[in-house]
C-alpha atoms as a PDB file:
ATOM      1  CA  MET A   1     -79.946 -76.785  -5.723  1.00  0.00           C
ATOM      2  CA  LYS A   2     -77.489 -76.287  -8.535  1.00  0.00           C
ATOM      3  CA  ILE A   3     -77.300 -77.335 -12.202  1.00  0.00           C
ATOM      4  CA  THR A   4     -74.238 -79.569 -12.429  1.00  0.00           C
ATOM      5  CA  ALA A   5     -74.429 -80.581 -16.114  1.00  0.00           C
ATOM      6  CA  ILE A   6     -76.348 -79.983 -19.331  1.00  0.00           C
ATOM      7  CA  LYS A   7     -75.947 -82.770 -21.907  1.00  0.00           C
ATOM      8  CA  GLN A   8     -77.172 -83.100 -25.468  1.00  0.00           C
ATOM      9  CA  GLN A   9     -79.356 -86.184 -25.828  1.00  0.00           C
ATOM     10  CA  LEU A  10     -78.097 -88.920 -28.147  1.00  0.00           C
ATOM     11  CA  LYS A  11     -81.434 -89.960 -29.666  1.00  0.00           C
ATOM     12  CA  THR A  12     -83.039 -86.517 -29.802  1.00  0.00           C
ATOM     13  CA  ARG A  13     -80.264 -84.171 -30.822  1.00  0.00           C
ATOM     14  CA  ASP A  14     -82.277 -80.988 -30.375  1.00  0.00           C
ATOM     15  CA  ARG A  15     -83.063 -81.753 -26.716  1.00  0.00           C
ATOM     16  CA  TYR A  16     -80.773 -81.347 -23.715  1.00  0.00           C
ATOM     17  CA  SER A  17     -80.855 -83.163 -20.370  1.00  0.00           C
ATOM     18  CA  VAL A  18     -80.393 -80.957 -17.334  1.00  0.00           C
ATOM     19  CA  TYR A  19     -78.790 -82.439 -14.209  1.00  0.00           C
ATOM     20  CA  VAL A  20     -79.352 -80.895 -10.801  1.00  0.00           C
ATOM     21  CA  ASP A  21     -77.011 -81.914  -7.960  1.00  0.00           C
ATOM     22  CA  GLU A  22     -75.589 -84.663 -10.201  1.00  0.00           C
ATOM     23  CA  GLN A  23     -79.039 -86.189 -10.877  1.00  0.00           C
ATOM     24  CA  TYR A  24     -81.129 -85.987 -14.060  1.00  0.00           C
ATOM     25  CA  SER A  25     -83.951 -83.496 -13.467  1.00  0.00           C
ATOM     26  CA  PHE A  26     -85.590 -82.481 -16.757  1.00  0.00           C
ATOM     27  CA  SER A  27     -84.928 -81.896 -20.453  1.00  0.00           C
ATOM     28  CA  LEU A  28     -85.509 -78.908 -22.714  1.00  0.00           C
ATOM     29  CA  GLY A  29     -85.514 -78.329 -26.439  1.00  0.00           C
ATOM     30  CA  GLU A  30     -82.683 -76.256 -27.872  1.00  0.00           C
ATOM     31  CA  THR A  31     -84.765 -73.098 -28.278  1.00  0.00           C
ATOM     32  CA  ALA A  32     -86.297 -73.388 -24.792  1.00  0.00           C
ATOM     33  CA  LEU A  33     -82.859 -73.956 -23.286  1.00  0.00           C
ATOM     34  CA  LEU A  34     -81.397 -70.880 -24.977  1.00  0.00           C
ATOM     35  CA  ASP A  35     -84.394 -68.781 -23.938  1.00  0.00           C
ATOM     36  CA  SER A  36     -84.103 -69.963 -20.335  1.00  0.00           C
ATOM     37  CA  GLY A  37     -80.476 -68.878 -19.966  1.00  0.00           C
ATOM     38  CA  LEU A  38     -79.729 -71.975 -17.885  1.00  0.00           C
ATOM     39  CA  HIS A  39     -76.100 -73.043 -17.511  1.00  0.00           C
ATOM     40  CA  SER A  40     -73.915 -75.193 -15.299  1.00  0.00           C
ATOM     41  CA  GLY A  41     -73.683 -73.629 -11.850  1.00  0.00           C
ATOM     42  CA  HIS A  42     -77.112 -71.987 -12.127  1.00  0.00           C
ATOM     43  CA  GLU A  43     -78.990 -72.090  -8.813  1.00  0.00           C
ATOM     44  CA  LEU A  44     -82.598 -73.332  -8.897  1.00  0.00           C
ATOM     45  CA  THR A  45     -85.405 -73.494  -6.357  1.00  0.00           C
ATOM     46  CA  SER A  46     -87.856 -76.381  -6.093  1.00  0.00           C
ATOM     47  CA  GLN A  47     -90.468 -74.156  -7.732  1.00  0.00           C
ATOM     48  CA  ASN A  48     -88.077 -73.378 -10.608  1.00  0.00           C
ATOM     49  CA  ILE A  49     -87.531 -77.074 -11.205  1.00  0.00           C
ATOM     50  CA  GLU A  50     -91.268 -77.819 -11.256  1.00  0.00           C
ATOM     51  CA  GLU A  51     -91.795 -75.012 -13.763  1.00  0.00           C
ATOM     52  CA  TYR A  52     -89.046 -76.353 -16.025  1.00  0.00           C
ATOM     53  CA  LYS A  53     -90.447 -79.875 -15.753  1.00  0.00           C
ATOM     54  CA  LYS A  54     -93.809 -78.521 -16.952  1.00  0.00           C
ATOM     55  CA  LEU A  55     -92.036 -76.693 -19.793  1.00  0.00           C
ATOM     56  CA  SER A  56     -90.243 -79.938 -20.654  1.00  0.00           C
ATOM     57  CA  LEU A  57     -93.504 -81.878 -20.828  1.00  0.00           C
ATOM     58  CA  ASP A  58     -95.098 -79.169 -22.978  1.00  0.00           C
ATOM     59  CA  GLY A  59     -92.152 -79.324 -25.375  1.00  0.00           C
ATOM     60  CA  LYS A  60     -92.402 -83.097 -25.674  1.00  0.00           C
ATOM     61  CA  LEU A  61     -96.121 -82.858 -26.434  1.00  0.00           C
ATOM     62  CA  TYR A  62     -95.451 -80.239 -29.108  1.00  0.00           C
ATOM     63  CA  ASN A  63     -92.873 -82.538 -30.720  1.00  0.00           C
ATOM     64  CA  ARG A  64     -95.383 -85.383 -30.638  1.00  0.00           C
ATOM     65  CA  ALA A  65     -97.915 -83.129 -32.320  1.00  0.00           C
ATOM     66  CA  LEU A  66     -95.381 -82.317 -35.053  1.00  0.00           C
ATOM     67  CA  ARG A  67     -94.757 -86.013 -35.672  1.00  0.00           C
ATOM     68  CA  TYR A  68     -98.498 -86.723 -35.693  1.00  0.00           C
ATOM     69  CA  VAL A  69     -99.249 -84.078 -38.309  1.00  0.00           C
ATOM     70  CA  ALA A  70     -96.174 -85.081 -40.344  1.00  0.00           C
ATOM     71  CA  MET A  71     -97.673 -88.543 -40.919  1.00  0.00           C
ATOM     72  CA  ARG A  72    -100.626 -87.028 -42.803  1.00  0.00           C
ATOM     73  CA  GLN A  73    -102.774 -83.912 -42.709  1.00  0.00           C
ATOM     74  CA  ARG A  74    -104.992 -83.623 -39.635  1.00  0.00           C
ATOM     75  CA  SER A  75    -108.046 -81.542 -38.890  1.00  0.00           C
ATOM     76  CA  ALA A  76    -107.975 -79.208 -35.903  1.00  0.00           C
ATOM     77  CA  TRP A  77    -110.389 -81.581 -34.135  1.00  0.00           C
ATOM     78  CA  GLU A  78    -108.181 -84.604 -34.810  1.00  0.00           C
ATOM     79  CA  MET A  79    -105.186 -82.781 -33.339  1.00  0.00           C
ATOM     80  CA  GLN A  80    -107.205 -81.641 -30.323  1.00  0.00           C
ATOM     81  CA  THR A  81    -108.362 -85.208 -29.672  1.00  0.00           C
ATOM     82  CA  TYR A  82    -104.829 -86.554 -30.033  1.00  0.00           C
ATOM     83  CA  LEU A  83    -103.349 -84.033 -27.588  1.00  0.00           C
ATOM     84  CA  GLU A  84    -106.097 -84.579 -25.045  1.00  0.00           C
ATOM     85  CA  ARG A  85    -105.466 -88.315 -25.275  1.00  0.00           C
ATOM     86  CA  LYS A  86    -101.787 -87.649 -24.538  1.00  0.00           C
ATOM     87  CA  GLY A  87    -102.689 -85.698 -21.411  1.00  0.00           C
ATOM     88  CA  ALA A  88    -102.340 -82.097 -22.601  1.00  0.00           C
ATOM     89  CA  ASP A  89    -104.424 -79.580 -20.654  1.00  0.00           C
ATOM     90  CA  VAL A  90    -106.849 -77.197 -22.391  1.00  0.00           C
ATOM     91  CA  PRO A  91    -104.515 -74.146 -22.531  1.00  0.00           C
ATOM     92  CA  LEU A  92    -101.665 -76.214 -23.982  1.00  0.00           C
ATOM     93  CA  VAL A  93    -103.963 -77.794 -26.594  1.00  0.00           C
ATOM     94  CA  GLY A  94    -105.003 -74.327 -27.706  1.00  0.00           C
ATOM     95  CA  THR A  95    -101.410 -73.085 -27.787  1.00  0.00           C
ATOM     96  CA  ILE A  96    -100.124 -76.014 -29.843  1.00  0.00           C
ATOM     97  CA  ILE A  97    -103.000 -75.890 -32.342  1.00  0.00           C
ATOM     98  CA  ALA A  98    -102.538 -72.125 -32.733  1.00  0.00           C
ATOM     99  CA  ARG A  99     -98.818 -72.608 -33.363  1.00  0.00           C
ATOM    100  CA  LEU A 100     -99.384 -75.391 -35.903  1.00  0.00           C
ATOM    101  CA  THR A 101    -102.071 -73.317 -37.611  1.00  0.00           C
ATOM    102  CA  GLU A 102     -99.701 -70.354 -37.847  1.00  0.00           C
ATOM    103  CA  LEU A 103     -97.113 -72.642 -39.472  1.00  0.00           C
ATOM    104  CA  GLY A 104     -99.723 -73.881 -41.966  1.00  0.00           C
ATOM    105  CA  LEU A 105     -99.566 -77.435 -40.600  1.00  0.00           C
ATOM    106  CA  ILE A 106    -103.188 -77.349 -39.412  1.00  0.00           C
ATOM    107  CA  ASP A 107    -105.565 -76.002 -42.058  1.00  0.00           C
ATOM    108  CA  ASP A 108    -109.032 -77.507 -42.403  1.00  0.00           C
ATOM    109  CA  TYR A 109    -109.566 -75.931 -45.837  1.00  0.00           C
ATOM    110  CA  LYS A 110    -106.336 -77.439 -47.114  1.00  0.00           C
ATOM    111  CA  LEU A 111    -107.150 -80.788 -45.518  1.00  0.00           C
ATOM    112  CA  ALA A 112    -110.645 -80.915 -47.019  1.00  0.00           C
ATOM    113  CA  ARG A 113    -109.411 -80.016 -50.506  1.00  0.00           C
ATOM    114  CA  ALA A 114    -106.638 -82.636 -50.363  1.00  0.00           C
ATOM    115  CA  TYR A 115    -108.995 -85.251 -48.925  1.00  0.00           C
ATOM    116  CA  VAL A 116    -111.583 -84.755 -51.669  1.00  0.00           C
ATOM    117  CA  ALA A 117    -108.946 -84.763 -54.419  1.00  0.00           C
ATOM    118  CA  ASP A 118    -107.244 -87.909 -53.111  1.00  0.00           C
ATOM    119  CA  ARG A 119    -110.528 -89.696 -52.479  1.00  0.00           C
ATOM    120  CA  GLN A 120    -111.820 -89.001 -55.975  1.00  0.00           C
ATOM    121  CA  LEU A 121    -108.539 -90.063 -57.539  1.00  0.00           C
ATOM    122  CA  LEU A 122    -108.092 -93.312 -55.603  1.00  0.00           C
ATOM    123  CA  ARG A 123    -111.582 -94.348 -54.460  1.00  0.00           C
ATOM    124  CA  PRO A 124    -114.201 -92.135 -56.112  1.00  0.00           C
ATOM    125  CA  THR A 125    -117.400 -91.639 -54.173  1.00  0.00           C
ATOM    126  CA  SER A 126    -120.442 -89.373 -53.953  1.00  0.00           C
ATOM    127  CA  ARG A 127    -120.760 -85.859 -52.624  1.00  0.00           C
ATOM    128  CA  ARG A 128    -122.978 -87.225 -49.852  1.00  0.00           C
ATOM    129  CA  LYS A 129    -120.369 -89.712 -48.672  1.00  0.00           C
ATOM    130  CA  LEU A 130    -117.541 -87.164 -48.897  1.00  0.00           C
ATOM    131  CA  MET A 131    -119.580 -84.819 -46.727  1.00  0.00           C
ATOM    132  CA  ALA A 132    -120.159 -87.568 -44.141  1.00  0.00           C
ATOM    133  CA  GLU A 133    -116.467 -88.496 -44.054  1.00  0.00           C
ATOM    134  CA  LEU A 134    -115.350 -84.889 -43.581  1.00  0.00           C
ATOM    135  CA  LYS A 135    -117.937 -84.414 -40.845  1.00  0.00           C
ATOM    136  CA  LYS A 136    -116.349 -87.346 -38.992  1.00  0.00           C
ATOM    137  CA  LYS A 137    -113.159 -85.296 -38.903  1.00  0.00           C
ATOM    138  CA  ARG A 138    -115.234 -82.424 -37.454  1.00  0.00           C
ATOM    139  CA  VAL A 139    -114.473 -80.161 -40.413  1.00  0.00           C
ATOM    140  CA  ALA A 140    -116.849 -77.184 -40.264  1.00  0.00           C
ATOM    141  CA  GLN A 141    -119.900 -77.376 -42.530  1.00  0.00           C
ATOM    142  CA  ALA A 142    -119.004 -74.059 -44.160  1.00  0.00           C
ATOM    143  CA  VAL A 143    -115.601 -75.451 -45.135  1.00  0.00           C
ATOM    144  CA  ILE A 144    -117.141 -78.672 -46.486  1.00  0.00           C
ATOM    145  CA  ASP A 145    -119.707 -76.740 -48.532  1.00  0.00           C
ATOM    146  CA  GLU A 146    -117.050 -74.483 -50.052  1.00  0.00           C
ATOM    147  CA  VAL A 147    -114.722 -77.356 -50.977  1.00  0.00           C
ATOM    148  CA  LEU A 148    -117.522 -79.462 -52.488  1.00  0.00           C
ATOM    149  CA  ALA A 149    -118.751 -76.416 -54.410  1.00  0.00           C
ATOM    150  CA  GLU A 150    -115.249 -76.044 -55.861  1.00  0.00           C
ATOM    151  CA  GLN A 151    -115.316 -79.710 -56.842  1.00  0.00           C
ATOM    152  CA  ALA A 152    -118.705 -79.320 -58.529  1.00  0.00           C
ATOM    153  CA  GLU A 153    -117.530 -76.235 -60.423  1.00  0.00           C
ATOM    154  CA  ALA A 154    -114.498 -78.154 -61.682  1.00  0.00           C
ATOM    155  CA  SER A 155    -116.864 -80.882 -62.915  1.00  0.00           C
ATOM    156  CA  ASP A 156    -119.177 -78.583 -64.912  1.00  0.00           C
ATOM    157  CA  GLY A 157    -121.567 -78.193 -61.996  1.00  0.00           C
ATOM    158  CA  ASN A 158    -122.281 -81.873 -61.339  1.00  0.00           C
ATOM    159  CA  ALA A 159    -119.462 -83.724 -59.617  1.00  0.00           C
ATOM    160  CA  ASP A 160    -121.599 -86.773 -58.817  1.00  0.00           C
ATOM    161  CA  ARG A 161    -122.532 -87.296 -62.464  1.00  0.00           C
ATOM    162  CA  SER A 162    -118.878 -87.150 -63.493  1.00  0.00           C
ATOM    163  CA  VAL A 163    -117.822 -89.515 -60.688  1.00  0.00           C
ATOM    164  CA  LEU A 164    -120.641 -91.931 -61.529  1.00  0.00           C
ATOM    165  CA  ARG A 165    -119.571 -92.134 -65.152  1.00  0.00           C
ATOM    166  CA  ASP A 166    -115.981 -92.853 -64.152  1.00  0.00           C
ATOM    167  CA  LEU A 167    -116.992 -95.412 -61.528  1.00  0.00           C
ATOM    168  CA  ILE A 168    -119.274 -97.295 -63.894  1.00  0.00           C
ATOM    169  CA  GLU A 169    -116.538 -97.387 -66.521  1.00  0.00           C
ATOM    170  CA  ARG A 170    -114.033 -98.721 -63.972  1.00  0.00           C
ATOM    171  CA  LYS A 171    -116.313-101.289 -62.394  1.00  0.00           C
ATOM    172  CA  ARG A 172    -117.614-102.644 -65.695  1.00  0.00           C
ATOM    173  CA  ARG A 173    -114.104-103.980 -66.294  1.00  0.00           C
ATOM    174  CA  GLN A 174    -114.660-106.416 -63.410  1.00  0.00           C
ATOM    175  CA  THR A 175    -116.670-109.538 -64.141  1.00  0.00           C
ATOM    176  CA  LYS A 176    -118.946-109.345 -61.099  1.00  0.00           C
ATOM    177  CA  TYR A 177    -120.041-105.811 -61.981  1.00  0.00           C
ATOM    178  CA  GLN A 178    -121.331-106.885 -65.375  1.00  0.00           C
ATOM    179  CA  ASP A 179    -124.420-107.662 -63.291  1.00  0.00           C
ATOM    180  CA  ASP A 180    -126.433-104.407 -63.073  1.00  0.00           C
ATOM    181  CA  LEU A 181    -127.892-105.269 -59.669  1.00  0.00           C
ATOM    182  CA  LYS A 182    -124.471-105.785 -58.060  1.00  0.00           C
ATOM    183  CA  LEU A 183    -123.195-102.602 -59.669  1.00  0.00           C
ATOM    184  CA  MET A 184    -126.219-100.644 -58.439  1.00  0.00           C
ATOM    185  CA  GLN A 185    -125.731-101.998 -54.908  1.00  0.00           C
ATOM    186  CA  TYR A 186    -122.081-100.952 -54.968  1.00  0.00           C
ATOM    187  CA  LEU A 187    -122.910 -97.453 -56.218  1.00  0.00           C
ATOM    188  CA  ALA A 188    -125.623 -97.077 -53.575  1.00  0.00           C
ATOM    189  CA  ARG A 189    -123.050 -97.917 -50.872  1.00  0.00           C
ATOM    190  CA  GLN A 190    -120.981 -95.033 -52.198  1.00  0.00           C
ATOM    191  CA  GLY A 191    -123.849 -92.685 -51.385  1.00  0.00           C
ATOM    192  CA  PHE A 192    -125.351 -92.145 -54.847  1.00  0.00           C
ATOM    193  CA  GLY A 193    -129.132 -91.808 -55.192  1.00  0.00           C
ATOM    194  CA  TYR A 194    -131.208 -94.450 -56.992  1.00  0.00           C
ATOM    195  CA  GLY A 195    -132.396 -92.039 -59.682  1.00  0.00           C
ATOM    196  CA  ASP A 196    -128.861 -90.858 -60.481  1.00  0.00           C
ATOM    197  CA  ILE A 197    -127.623 -94.447 -60.649  1.00  0.00           C
ATOM    198  CA  LYS A 198    -130.406 -95.519 -63.029  1.00  0.00           C
ATOM    199  CA  SER A 199    -129.819 -92.493 -65.219  1.00  0.00           C
ATOM    200  CA  ALA A 200    -126.061 -93.085 -65.368  1.00  0.00           C
ATOM    201  CA  LEU A 201    -126.517 -96.792 -66.155  1.00  0.00           C
ATOM    202  CA  SER A 202    -128.987 -95.988 -68.891  1.00  0.00           C
ATOM    203  CA  ALA A 203    -126.525 -93.548 -70.426  1.00  0.00           C
ATOM    204  CA  ASP A 204    -123.829 -96.212 -70.183  1.00  0.00           C
ATOM    205  CA  GLU A 205    -125.994 -98.697 -72.069  1.00  0.00           C
ATOM    206  CA  ASP A 206    -126.684 -96.148 -74.794  1.00  0.00           C
ATOM    207  CA  VAL A 207    -122.996 -95.651 -75.503  1.00  0.00           C
END
Protein backbone atom coordinates (compact mmCIF):
# COMPACT_ATOMS: atom_id res chain seq x y z
CA MET A 1 0.00 0.00 0.00
CA LYS A 2 1.31 3.39 -1.01
CA ILE A 3 0.60 6.99 0.03
CA THR A 4 -0.75 8.67 -3.10
CA ALA A 5 -1.51 12.15 -1.72
CA ILE A 6 -1.21 14.32 1.38
CA LYS A 7 -3.61 17.28 1.43
CA GLN A 8 -4.00 20.17 3.84
CA GLN A 9 -7.51 20.21 5.29
CA LEU A 10 -9.66 23.24 4.48
CA LYS A 11 -11.42 23.60 7.84
CA THR A 12 -8.50 22.59 10.06
CA ARG A 13 -5.46 24.15 8.47
CA ASP A 14 -2.94 22.50 10.78
CA ARG A 15 -4.13 18.98 9.90
CA TYR A 16 -3.36 16.97 6.76
CA SER A 17 -5.36 14.17 5.15
CA VAL A 18 -3.33 11.19 4.03
CA TYR A 19 -4.56 9.13 1.06
CA VAL A 20 -3.45 5.55 0.57
CA ASP A 21 -4.03 3.94 -2.85
CA GLU A 22 -6.16 6.96 -3.84
CA GLN A 23 -8.47 6.59 -0.80
CA TYR A 24 -8.59 8.73 2.35
CA SER A 25 -6.96 6.77 5.18
CA PHE A 26 -6.18 9.03 8.14
CA SER A 27 -5.19 12.57 9.11
CA LEU A 28 -2.30 13.96 11.14
CA GLY A 29 -1.48 17.28 12.71
CA GLU A 30 1.34 19.28 11.17
CA THR A 31 3.88 18.39 13.86
CA ALA A 32 2.96 14.69 13.82
CA LEU A 33 3.19 14.63 10.03
CA LEU A 34 6.65 16.21 10.03
CA ASP A 35 7.83 13.84 12.76
CA SER A 36 6.52 10.82 10.85
CA GLY A 37 8.47 11.61 7.68
CA LEU A 38 5.54 10.47 5.55
CA HIS A 39 5.42 11.61 1.92
CA SER A 40 3.75 10.71 -1.35
CA GLY A 41 5.08 7.37 -2.57
CA HIS A 42 5.80 6.12 0.96
CA GLU A 43 4.99 2.42 1.34
CA LEU A 44 2.86 1.40 4.34
CA THR A 45 1.81 -1.92 5.84
CA SER A 46 -1.62 -2.57 7.32
CA GLN A 47 -0.04 -2.36 10.77
CA ASN A 48 1.53 1.01 9.91
CA ILE A 49 -1.85 2.36 8.87
CA GLU A 50 -3.53 1.18 12.08
CA GLU A 51 -0.79 2.84 14.12
CA TYR A 52 -1.21 6.12 12.25
CA LYS A 53 -4.99 5.94 12.66
CA LYS A 54 -4.47 5.61 16.43
CA LEU A 55 -2.05 8.56 16.33
CA SER A 56 -4.66 10.53 14.37
CA LEU A 57 -7.35 9.83 16.95
CA ASP A 58 -5.01 10.79 19.78
CA GLY A 59 -4.23 14.08 18.04
CA LYS A 60 -7.91 14.88 17.58
CA LEU A 61 -8.58 14.20 21.26
CA TYR A 62 -5.70 16.47 22.26
CA ASN A 63 -7.14 19.25 20.08
CA ARG A 64 -10.54 18.74 21.70
CA ALA A 65 -8.90 19.01 25.10
CA LEU A 66 -7.27 22.30 24.06
CA ARG A 67 -10.63 23.69 22.96
CA TYR A 68 -12.28 22.48 26.17
CA VAL A 69 -9.74 24.18 28.42
CA ALA A 70 -9.77 27.32 26.24
CA MET A 71 -13.46 27.87 27.08
CA ARG A 72 -12.63 28.30 30.78
CA GLN A 73 -10.19 26.93 33.33
CA ARG A 74 -10.69 23.26 34.18
CA SER A 75 -9.53 21.14 37.07
CA ALA A 76 -7.47 18.04 36.35
CA TRP A 77 -10.50 15.94 37.32
CA GLU A 78 -12.79 17.84 34.96
CA MET A 79 -10.37 17.27 32.09
CA GLN A 80 -10.00 13.59 32.97
CA THR A 81 -13.78 13.15 33.00
CA TYR A 82 -14.14 14.98 29.69
CA LEU A 83 -11.50 12.85 27.94
CA GLU A 84 -12.91 9.62 29.30
CA ARG A 85 -16.33 10.66 28.04
CA LYS A 86 -14.79 11.20 24.59
CA GLY A 87 -13.36 7.68 24.60
CA ALA A 88 -9.72 8.32 25.51
CA ASP A 89 -7.97 5.37 27.16
CA VAL A 90 -6.17 5.71 30.51
CA PRO A 91 -2.62 6.18 29.12
CA LEU A 92 -3.78 8.87 26.69
CA VAL A 93 -5.72 10.70 29.43
CA GLY A 94 -2.56 10.79 31.53
CA THR A 95 -0.44 11.95 28.60
CA ILE A 96 -2.78 14.78 27.63
CA ILE A 97 -3.23 16.02 31.20
CA ALA A 98 0.54 15.94 31.74
CA ARG A 99 1.08 17.93 28.55
CA LEU A 100 -1.57 20.51 29.45
CA THR A 101 -0.15 20.78 32.96
CA GLU A 102 3.34 21.37 31.56
CA LEU A 103 1.91 24.16 29.38
CA GLY A 104 0.22 25.72 32.43
CA LEU A 105 -3.26 25.10 31.00
CA ILE A 106 -4.20 22.69 33.81
CA ASP A 107 -3.33 24.05 37.25
CA ASP A 108 -5.65 23.36 40.18
CA TYR A 109 -4.03 26.07 42.33
CA LYS A 110 -4.56 28.65 39.61
CA LEU A 111 -8.11 27.43 39.01
CA ALA A 112 -9.03 27.58 42.70
CA ARG A 113 -7.60 31.08 43.13
CA ALA A 114 -9.42 32.37 40.04
CA TYR A 115 -12.65 30.62 41.04
CA VAL A 116 -12.65 32.13 44.53
CA ALA A 117 -11.78 35.61 43.23
CA ASP A 118 -14.47 35.53 40.53
CA ARG A 119 -17.08 34.06 42.85
CA GLN A 120 -16.50 36.70 45.52
CA LEU A 121 -16.57 39.49 42.95
CA LEU A 122 -19.72 38.39 41.11
CA ARG A 123 -21.70 36.26 43.58
CA PRO A 124 -20.13 36.47 47.04
CA THR A 125 -20.61 33.46 49.26
CA SER A 126 -19.22 31.80 52.38
CA ARG A 127 -16.01 29.89 52.90
CA ARG A 128 -18.09 26.77 53.52
CA LYS A 129 -19.90 27.03 50.19
CA LEU A 130 -16.70 27.84 48.28
CA MET A 131 -15.11 24.73 49.77
CA ALA A 132 -18.09 22.59 48.70
CA GLU A 133 -18.04 23.99 45.16
CA LEU A 134 -14.31 23.37 44.74
CA LYS A 135 -14.71 19.85 46.10
CA LYS A 136 -17.25 19.19 43.33
CA LYS A 137 -14.46 19.93 40.87
CA ARG A 138 -12.33 17.38 42.78
CA VAL A 139 -9.75 20.01 43.72
CA ALA A 140 -7.50 18.53 46.43
CA GLN A 141 -8.31 19.55 50.00
CA ALA A 142 -4.77 20.83 50.53
CA VAL A 143 -5.17 23.18 47.57
CA ILE A 144 -8.58 24.39 48.79
CA ASP A 145 -7.23 25.03 52.29
CA GLU A 146 -4.27 27.01 50.98
CA VAL A 147 -6.37 29.17 48.64
CA LEU A 148 -9.02 29.89 51.30
CA ALA A 149 -6.27 30.72 53.79
CA GLU A 150 -4.91 33.25 51.29
CA GLN A 151 -8.39 34.73 50.96
CA ALA A 152 -8.77 34.99 54.73
CA GLU A 153 -5.36 36.66 55.07
CA ALA A 154 -6.34 39.22 52.43
CA SER A 155 -9.50 39.94 54.45
CA ASP A 156 -7.74 40.57 57.79
CA GLY A 157 -8.18 36.97 58.88
CA ASN A 158 -11.96 36.70 58.49
CA ALA A 159 -13.13 36.44 54.90
CA ASP A 160 -16.68 35.43 55.86
CA ARG A 161 -17.17 38.53 58.00
CA SER A 162 -16.02 40.76 55.16
CA VAL A 163 -18.22 38.95 52.62
CA LEU A 164 -21.21 39.10 54.96
CA ARG A 165 -20.88 42.85 55.37
CA ASP A 166 -20.72 43.34 51.61
CA LEU A 167 -23.63 40.98 50.95
CA ILE A 168 -25.87 42.64 53.52
CA GLU A 169 -25.07 46.05 52.07
CA ARG A 170 -25.88 44.83 48.55
CA LYS A 171 -29.06 42.97 49.43
CA ARG A 172 -30.47 45.76 51.59
CA ARG A 173 -30.81 47.79 48.40
CA GLN A 174 -33.50 45.33 47.26
CA THR A 175 -36.98 45.79 48.68
CA LYS A 176 -37.59 42.14 49.58
CA TYR A 177 -34.40 41.99 51.66
CA GLN A 178 -35.54 44.82 53.90
CA ASP A 179 -37.22 41.92 55.70
CA ASP A 180 -34.62 40.46 58.11
CA LEU A 181 -36.07 36.95 57.91
CA LYS A 182 -35.79 36.79 54.11
CA LEU A 183 -32.28 38.21 54.27
CA MET A 184 -31.26 35.67 56.92
CA GLN A 185 -32.69 32.82 54.82
CA TYR A 186 -30.73 34.02 51.79
CA LEU A 187 -27.49 34.30 53.76
CA ALA A 188 -28.01 30.84 55.25
CA ARG A 189 -28.34 29.42 51.71
CA GLN A 190 -24.94 30.91 50.98
CA GLY A 191 -23.47 28.75 53.74
CA PHE A 192 -23.10 31.30 56.54
CA GLY A 193 -23.72 30.21 60.14
CA TYR A 194 -26.68 31.54 62.14
CA GLY A 195 -24.48 33.20 64.76
CA ASP A 196 -22.37 35.01 62.15
CA ILE A 197 -25.50 36.19 60.35
CA LYS A 198 -27.08 37.55 63.54
CA SER A 199 -23.86 39.28 64.51
CA ALA A 200 -23.46 40.87 61.07
CA LEU A 201 -27.09 42.03 61.00
CA SER A 202 -26.76 43.52 64.45
CA ALA A 203 -23.67 45.42 63.35
CA ASP A 204 -25.56 46.60 60.27
CA GLU A 205 -28.38 47.96 62.42
CA ASP A 206 -25.91 49.80 64.64
CA VAL A 207 -24.44 51.70 61.71
